[in-house]
C-alpha atoms as a PDB file:
ATOM      1  CA  MET A   1      78.940  76.271 118.765  1.00  0.00           C
ATOM      2  CA  ASP A   2      81.424  77.392 116.307  1.00  0.00           C
ATOM      3  CA  ARG A   3      83.047  79.577 118.715  1.00  0.00           C
ATOM      4  CA  ASN A   4      83.147  76.728 121.124  1.00  0.00           C
ATOM      5  CA  ILE A   5      84.935  74.572 118.160  1.00  0.00           C
ATOM      6  CA  LEU A   6      87.380  77.563 117.591  1.00  0.00           C
ATOM      7  CA  ARG A   7      88.101  77.727 121.104  1.00  0.00           C
ATOM      8  CA  ALA A   8      89.150  74.170 121.447  1.00  0.00           C
ATOM      9  CA  LEU A   9      91.166  74.254 118.349  1.00  0.00           C
ATOM     10  CA  GLN A  10      93.160  77.283 119.522  1.00  0.00           C
ATOM     11  CA  ALA A  11      94.118  75.282 122.747  1.00  0.00           C
ATOM     12  CA  GLU A  12      94.777  72.157 120.799  1.00  0.00           C
ATOM     13  CA  PRO A  13      94.651  72.316 117.230  1.00  0.00           C
ATOM     14  CA  ASP A  14      95.678  68.815 116.673  1.00  0.00           C
ATOM     15  CA  LEU A  15      92.695  67.349 118.166  1.00  0.00           C
ATOM     16  CA  ALA A  16      91.077  64.617 116.259  1.00  0.00           C
ATOM     17  CA  ILE A  17      87.695  65.298 114.950  1.00  0.00           C
ATOM     18  CA  ALA A  18      85.959  62.812 117.413  1.00  0.00           C
ATOM     19  CA  GLN A  19      87.695  64.219 120.398  1.00  0.00           C
ATOM     20  CA  LEU A  20      86.897  67.902 119.389  1.00  0.00           C
ATOM     21  CA  GLY A  21      83.258  66.700 118.905  1.00  0.00           C
ATOM     22  CA  GLU A  22      83.505  65.306 122.589  1.00  0.00           C
ATOM     23  CA  ARG A  23      84.730  68.574 123.905  1.00  0.00           C
ATOM     24  CA  VAL A  24      81.937  70.682 122.194  1.00  0.00           C
ATOM     25  CA  GLY A  25      79.135  68.458 122.681  1.00  0.00           C
ATOM     26  CA  LEU A  26      78.802  67.127 119.052  1.00  0.00           C
ATOM     27  CA  SER A  27      78.990  64.013 117.238  1.00  0.00           C
ATOM     28  CA  GLN A  28      81.590  63.482 114.806  1.00  0.00           C
ATOM     29  CA  THR A  29      79.763  64.181 111.764  1.00  0.00           C
ATOM     30  CA  PRO A  30      78.122  67.682 112.584  1.00  0.00           C
ATOM     31  CA  CYS A  31      81.596  68.349 114.120  1.00  0.00           C
ATOM     32  CA  TRP A  32      83.416  67.690 111.027  1.00  0.00           C
ATOM     33  CA  ARG A  33      80.722  69.713 108.753  1.00  0.00           C
ATOM     34  CA  ARG A  34      81.147  72.833 110.942  1.00  0.00           C
ATOM     35  CA  LEU A  35      84.994  72.550 110.722  1.00  0.00           C
ATOM     36  CA  LYS A  36      84.792  72.194 106.981  1.00  0.00           C
ATOM     37  CA  ARG A  37      82.443  75.265 106.706  1.00  0.00           C
ATOM     38  CA  LEU A  38      84.664  77.302 109.264  1.00  0.00           C
ATOM     39  CA  LYS A  39      87.797  76.437 106.679  1.00  0.00           C
ATOM     40  CA  ALA A  40      85.948  77.220 103.669  1.00  0.00           C
ATOM     41  CA  SER A  41      84.623  80.435 104.709  1.00  0.00           C
ATOM     42  CA  GLY A  42      88.284  81.618 105.912  1.00  0.00           C
ATOM     43  CA  VAL A  43      87.573  81.716 109.548  1.00  0.00           C
ATOM     44  CA  ILE A  44      90.231  79.269 109.700  1.00  0.00           C
ATOM     45  CA  GLN A  45      92.964  80.260 107.817  1.00  0.00           C
ATOM     46  CA  ARG A  46      95.283  77.762 108.412  1.00  0.00           C
ATOM     47  CA  LEU A  47      96.920  75.281 110.966  1.00  0.00           C
ATOM     48  CA  ALA A  48     100.368  76.187 112.559  1.00  0.00           C
ATOM     49  CA  MET A  49     102.754  75.010 114.694  1.00  0.00           C
ATOM     50  CA  VAL A  50     104.306  77.603 117.088  1.00  0.00           C
ATOM     51  CA  LEU A  51     108.192  77.008 117.533  1.00  0.00           C
ATOM     52  CA  ASP A  52     110.299  78.344 119.949  1.00  0.00           C
ATOM     53  CA  PRO A  53     112.674  80.605 117.838  1.00  0.00           C
ATOM     54  CA  ARG A  54     115.493  80.482 120.793  1.00  0.00           C
ATOM     55  CA  ARG A  55     115.707  76.686 120.705  1.00  0.00           C
ATOM     56  CA  LEU A  56     116.365  77.067 116.931  1.00  0.00           C
ATOM     57  CA  GLY A  57     119.316  79.283 117.226  1.00  0.00           C
ATOM     58  CA  LEU A  58     117.226  82.481 116.521  1.00  0.00           C
ATOM     59  CA  SER A  59     117.506  84.171 119.590  1.00  0.00           C
ATOM     60  CA  ILE A  60     117.356  87.874 118.450  1.00  0.00           C
ATOM     61  CA  SER A  61     114.041  89.352 117.582  1.00  0.00           C
ATOM     62  CA  VAL A  62     114.003  92.822 116.205  1.00  0.00           C
ATOM     63  CA  LEU A  63     111.103  95.304 115.770  1.00  0.00           C
ATOM     64  CA  ALA A  64     111.929  97.318 112.612  1.00  0.00           C
ATOM     65  CA  GLN A  65     110.149 100.450 111.787  1.00  0.00           C
ATOM     66  CA  LEU A  66     110.500 101.425 108.172  1.00  0.00           C
ATOM     67  CA  LYS A  67     109.818 104.845 106.250  1.00  0.00           C
ATOM     68  CA  LEU A  68     109.361 104.940 102.622  1.00  0.00           C
ATOM     69  CA  HIS A  69     110.519 107.575 100.150  1.00  0.00           C
ATOM     70  CA  ARG A  70     107.376 107.454  98.333  1.00  0.00           C
ATOM     71  CA  HIS A  71     103.990 105.976  99.002  1.00  0.00           C
ATOM     72  CA  ASP A  72     102.845 105.414  95.306  1.00  0.00           C
ATOM     73  CA  GLU A  73     101.005 101.978  94.350  1.00  0.00           C
ATOM     74  CA  GLN A  74     103.800 100.555  92.493  1.00  0.00           C
ATOM     75  CA  THR A  75     106.614 101.408  95.400  1.00  0.00           C
ATOM     76  CA  LEU A  76     103.886  99.886  97.952  1.00  0.00           C
ATOM     77  CA  GLU A  77     103.526  96.984  95.876  1.00  0.00           C
ATOM     78  CA  GLU A  78     107.096  96.317  95.204  1.00  0.00           C
ATOM     79  CA  PHE A  79     108.018  96.697  98.835  1.00  0.00           C
ATOM     80  CA  GLU A  80     105.318  94.265  99.861  1.00  0.00           C
ATOM     81  CA  ALA A  81     106.035  91.622  97.337  1.00  0.00           C
ATOM     82  CA  ALA A  82     109.798  91.880  98.430  1.00  0.00           C
ATOM     83  CA  VAL A  83     109.326  91.510 101.897  1.00  0.00           C
ATOM     84  CA  LEU A  84     107.300  88.169 101.172  1.00  0.00           C
ATOM     85  CA  GLY A  85     110.503  86.594  99.664  1.00  0.00           C
ATOM     86  CA  HIS A  86     112.483  86.730 103.078  1.00  0.00           C
ATOM     87  CA  GLY A  87     111.893  84.158 105.676  1.00  0.00           C
ATOM     88  CA  GLU A  88     113.877  86.270 108.338  1.00  0.00           C
ATOM     89  CA  ILE A  89     110.816  88.631 108.259  1.00  0.00           C
ATOM     90  CA  VAL A  90     108.135  86.723 110.094  1.00  0.00           C
ATOM     91  CA  GLU A  91     105.554  89.752 110.549  1.00  0.00           C
ATOM     92  CA  CYS A  92     105.263  92.674 108.631  1.00  0.00           C
ATOM     93  CA  PHE A  93     102.246  95.367 109.031  1.00  0.00           C
ATOM     94  CA  SER A  94     101.481  98.472 107.177  1.00  0.00           C
ATOM     95  CA  VAL A  95     100.653 101.152 109.863  1.00  0.00           C
ATOM     96  CA  SER A  96      99.491 104.406 110.385  1.00  0.00           C
ATOM     97  CA  GLY A  97     101.823 107.060 112.327  1.00  0.00           C
ATOM     98  CA  GLU A  98     105.412 107.903 111.956  1.00  0.00           C
ATOM     99  CA  SER A  99     106.190 104.820 110.374  1.00  0.00           C
ATOM    100  CA  ASP A 100     104.901 103.263 107.246  1.00  0.00           C
ATOM    101  CA  TYR A 101     105.590  99.570 107.982  1.00  0.00           C
ATOM    102  CA  VAL A 102     106.786  97.506 111.338  1.00  0.00           C
ATOM    103  CA  MET A 103     108.063  94.300 110.873  1.00  0.00           C
ATOM    104  CA  ARG A 104     109.597  91.566 113.170  1.00  0.00           C
ATOM    105  CA  VAL A 105     112.721  90.176 112.133  1.00  0.00           C
ATOM    106  CA  VAL A 106     114.546  87.092 113.858  1.00  0.00           C
ATOM    107  CA  ALA A 107     118.098  86.366 113.731  1.00  0.00           C
ATOM    108  CA  ALA A 108     120.900  84.019 115.079  1.00  0.00           C
ATOM    109  CA  SER A 109     122.685  87.180 116.401  1.00  0.00           C
ATOM    110  CA  VAL A 110     123.012  90.763 116.582  1.00  0.00           C
ATOM    111  CA  ASP A 111     125.828  90.515 113.783  1.00  0.00           C
ATOM    112  CA  ASP A 112     123.434  88.464 111.548  1.00  0.00           C
ATOM    113  CA  TYR A 113     120.688  91.013 111.984  1.00  0.00           C
ATOM    114  CA  GLU A 114     123.192  93.749 111.106  1.00  0.00           C
ATOM    115  CA  ARG A 115     124.103  91.766 108.074  1.00  0.00           C
ATOM    116  CA  PHE A 116     120.592  91.304 106.960  1.00  0.00           C
ATOM    117  CA  LEU A 117     119.910  95.231 107.678  1.00  0.00           C
ATOM    118  CA  LYS A 118     122.735  96.166 105.388  1.00  0.00           C
ATOM    119  CA  THR A 119     122.271  93.561 102.827  1.00  0.00           C
ATOM    120  CA  VAL A 120     118.411  93.234 102.667  1.00  0.00           C
ATOM    121  CA  LEU A 121     116.148  95.620 104.621  1.00  0.00           C
ATOM    122  CA  LEU A 122     118.066  98.886 103.336  1.00  0.00           C
ATOM    123  CA  HIS A 123     117.773  97.771  99.919  1.00  0.00           C
ATOM    124  CA  LEU A 124     113.834  97.182  99.707  1.00  0.00           C
ATOM    125  CA  PRO A 125     112.051  98.876  97.166  1.00  0.00           C
ATOM    126  CA  GLY A 126     111.480 102.703  98.490  1.00  0.00           C
ATOM    127  CA  VAL A 127     113.081 102.425 101.927  1.00  0.00           C
ATOM    128  CA  ALA A 128     114.187 105.743 103.293  1.00  0.00           C
ATOM    129  CA  SER A 129     115.019 104.848 106.936  1.00  0.00           C
ATOM    130  CA  ILE A 130     114.748 101.878 109.600  1.00  0.00           C
ATOM    131  CA  ASN A 131     114.591 102.351 113.367  1.00  0.00           C
ATOM    132  CA  SER A 132     115.440  99.009 115.134  1.00  0.00           C
ATOM    133  CA  SER A 133     114.475  97.867 118.558  1.00  0.00           C
ATOM    134  CA  PHE A 134     116.029  94.764 119.777  1.00  0.00           C
ATOM    135  CA  MET A 135     113.257  92.872 122.009  1.00  0.00           C
ATOM    136  CA  LEU A 136     114.533  92.140 125.333  1.00  0.00           C
ATOM    137  CA  ASN A 137     111.964  89.679 126.668  1.00  0.00           C
ATOM    138  CA  VAL A 138     108.772  88.213 125.461  1.00  0.00           C
ATOM    139  CA  VAL A 139     105.866  89.101 128.129  1.00  0.00           C
ATOM    140  CA  LYS A 140     103.152  87.916 126.053  1.00  0.00           C
ATOM    141  CA  MET A 141     102.988  86.356 122.488  1.00  0.00           C
ATOM    142  CA  THR A 142      99.890  84.410 121.501  1.00  0.00           C
ATOM    143  CA  THR A 143      97.931  83.373 118.246  1.00  0.00           C
ATOM    144  CA  ASP A 144      94.681  82.967 120.239  1.00  0.00           C
ATOM    145  CA  LEU A 145      92.055  85.388 119.596  1.00  0.00           C
ATOM    146  CA  PRO A 146      89.643  86.412 122.428  1.00  0.00           C
ATOM    147  CA  ILE A 147      86.466  84.511 121.299  1.00  0.00           C
END
Protein backbone atom coordinates (compact mmCIF):
# COMPACT_ATOMS: atom_id res chain seq x y z
CA MET A 1 0.00 0.00 0.00
CA ASP A 2 2.88 2.36 0.80
CA ARG A 3 4.34 1.82 -2.66
CA ASN A 4 0.97 2.61 -4.22
CA ILE A 5 0.87 5.86 -2.26
CA LEU A 6 4.41 6.72 -3.36
CA ARG A 7 3.68 5.93 -7.02
CA ALA A 8 0.57 8.13 -6.92
CA LEU A 9 2.47 10.99 -5.28
CA GLN A 10 5.33 10.77 -7.75
CA ALA A 11 2.82 11.22 -10.56
CA GLU A 12 0.82 13.97 -8.79
CA PRO A 13 2.52 15.34 -5.67
CA ASP A 14 -0.21 17.91 -5.02
CA LEU A 15 -3.04 15.39 -4.55
CA ALA A 16 -5.27 16.09 -1.58
CA ILE A 17 -5.36 13.31 1.03
CA ALA A 18 -8.93 12.41 0.06
CA GLN A 19 -7.95 12.08 -3.61
CA LEU A 20 -4.81 10.13 -2.74
CA GLY A 21 -6.79 7.73 -0.56
CA GLU A 22 -9.33 7.24 -3.32
CA ARG A 23 -6.58 6.42 -5.84
CA VAL A 24 -4.96 3.81 -3.62
CA GLY A 25 -8.11 2.37 -2.06
CA LEU A 26 -7.85 3.79 1.48
CA SER A 27 -10.09 6.09 3.45
CA GLN A 28 -8.71 9.50 4.33
CA THR A 29 -7.48 8.84 7.89
CA PRO A 30 -5.47 5.64 7.21
CA CYS A 31 -4.02 7.27 4.10
CA TRP A 32 -2.99 10.34 6.11
CA ARG A 33 -1.37 8.11 8.78
CA ARG A 34 0.66 6.20 6.18
CA LEU A 35 1.73 9.43 4.50
CA LYS A 36 2.77 10.92 7.84
CA ARG A 37 4.80 7.77 8.64
CA LEU A 38 6.49 7.84 5.21
CA LYS A 39 7.53 11.46 5.83
CA ALA A 40 8.69 10.81 9.41
CA SER A 41 10.79 7.81 8.35
CA GLY A 42 12.53 9.84 5.64
CA VAL A 43 11.17 7.83 2.71
CA ILE A 44 9.57 11.07 1.54
CA GLN A 45 12.30 13.67 1.93
CA ARG A 46 10.39 16.67 0.63
CA LEU A 47 7.90 17.77 -2.00
CA ALA A 48 9.25 19.86 -4.86
CA MET A 49 8.14 21.57 -8.04
CA VAL A 50 10.03 20.68 -11.22
CA LEU A 51 10.69 23.87 -13.16
CA ASP A 52 11.72 24.26 -16.78
CA PRO A 53 15.11 26.01 -16.67
CA ARG A 54 14.88 27.17 -20.29
CA ARG A 55 11.61 29.02 -19.64
CA LEU A 56 13.34 30.75 -16.73
CA GLY A 57 16.25 31.95 -18.84
CA LEU A 58 18.67 29.20 -17.80
CA SER A 59 19.21 27.62 -21.21
CA ILE A 60 22.69 26.21 -20.54
CA SER A 61 23.26 23.04 -18.49
CA VAL A 62 26.80 21.86 -17.92
CA LEU A 63 28.18 18.65 -16.46
CA ALA A 64 31.42 19.58 -14.75
CA GLN A 65 33.84 16.85 -13.70
CA LEU A 66 36.18 18.04 -10.97
CA LYS A 67 39.43 16.62 -9.64
CA LEU A 68 40.85 17.74 -6.32
CA HIS A 69 44.50 18.25 -5.33
CA ARG A 70 44.06 16.50 -2.00
CA HIS A 71 41.59 14.01 -0.59
CA ASP A 72 41.96 14.67 3.11
CA GLU A 73 38.86 15.07 5.26
CA GLN A 74 39.25 18.83 5.71
CA THR A 75 39.53 19.51 1.96
CA LEU A 76 36.53 17.33 1.16
CA GLU A 77 34.40 18.95 3.87
CA GLU A 78 35.40 22.47 2.79
CA PHE A 79 34.70 21.67 -0.86
CA GLU A 80 31.28 20.19 -0.13
CA ALA A 81 30.31 23.07 2.18
CA ALA A 82 31.33 25.61 -0.48
CA VAL A 83 29.26 23.83 -3.16
CA LEU A 84 26.12 24.14 -1.03
CA GLY A 85 26.37 27.92 -1.17
CA HIS A 86 25.92 28.25 -4.94
CA GLY A 87 22.44 27.97 -6.46
CA GLU A 88 23.88 27.58 -9.96
CA ILE A 89 25.13 24.15 -8.86
CA VAL A 90 21.91 22.16 -8.91
CA GLU A 91 23.42 18.71 -8.42
CA CYS A 92 26.76 17.51 -7.10
CA PHE A 93 27.91 13.94 -6.61
CA SER A 94 31.04 12.42 -5.12
CA VAL A 95 32.02 9.73 -7.64
CA SER A 96 34.52 6.96 -8.23
CA GLY A 97 36.76 6.87 -11.27
CA GLU A 98 38.92 9.58 -12.79
CA SER A 99 36.92 12.49 -11.33
CA ASP A 100 36.27 13.15 -7.67
CA TYR A 101 33.00 15.03 -8.19
CA VAL A 102 30.48 15.53 -10.97
CA MET A 103 28.12 18.46 -10.81
CA ARG A 104 25.39 19.92 -12.96
CA VAL A 105 25.49 23.68 -13.31
CA VAL A 106 22.80 25.84 -14.91
CA ALA A 107 23.48 29.20 -16.53
CA ALA A 108 21.79 31.73 -18.79
CA SER A 109 24.52 31.56 -21.44
CA VAL A 110 27.91 30.13 -22.26
CA ASP A 111 29.41 33.46 -21.22
CA ASP A 112 27.66 33.23 -17.84
CA TYR A 113 28.98 29.70 -17.31
CA GLU A 114 32.49 30.79 -18.25
CA ARG A 115 32.26 33.64 -15.72
CA PHE A 116 30.99 31.20 -13.04
CA LEU A 117 33.78 28.77 -13.90
CA LYS A 118 36.46 31.46 -13.59
CA THR A 119 35.12 33.23 -10.51
CA VAL A 120 33.63 30.35 -8.51
CA LEU A 121 34.33 26.79 -9.63
CA LEU A 122 38.08 27.16 -10.06
CA HIS A 123 38.26 28.75 -6.59
CA LEU A 124 36.38 26.03 -4.72
CA PRO A 125 38.58 24.47 -2.00
CA GLY A 126 41.04 21.91 -3.35
CA VAL A 127 40.06 22.05 -7.04
CA ALA A 128 42.89 20.89 -9.32
CA SER A 129 41.05 20.64 -12.64
CA ILE A 130 37.61 20.85 -14.24
CA ASN A 131 36.34 19.23 -17.42
CA SER A 132 33.07 20.80 -18.62
CA SER A 133 30.59 19.16 -20.99
CA PHE A 134 27.64 21.16 -22.30
CA MET A 135 24.37 19.26 -22.39
CA LEU A 136 22.92 19.42 -25.92
CA ASN A 137 19.57 17.72 -25.39
CA VAL A 138 17.69 16.17 -22.49
CA VAL A 139 16.67 12.66 -23.49
CA LYS A 140 15.37 11.69 -20.07
CA MET A 141 15.22 13.54 -16.76
CA THR A 142 12.99 12.39 -13.96
CA THR A 143 12.71 12.44 -10.22
CA ASP A 144 10.46 9.35 -10.25
CA LEU A 145 11.96 6.18 -8.77
CA PRO A 146 11.02 2.78 -10.26
CA ILE A 147 8.91 1.53 -7.36
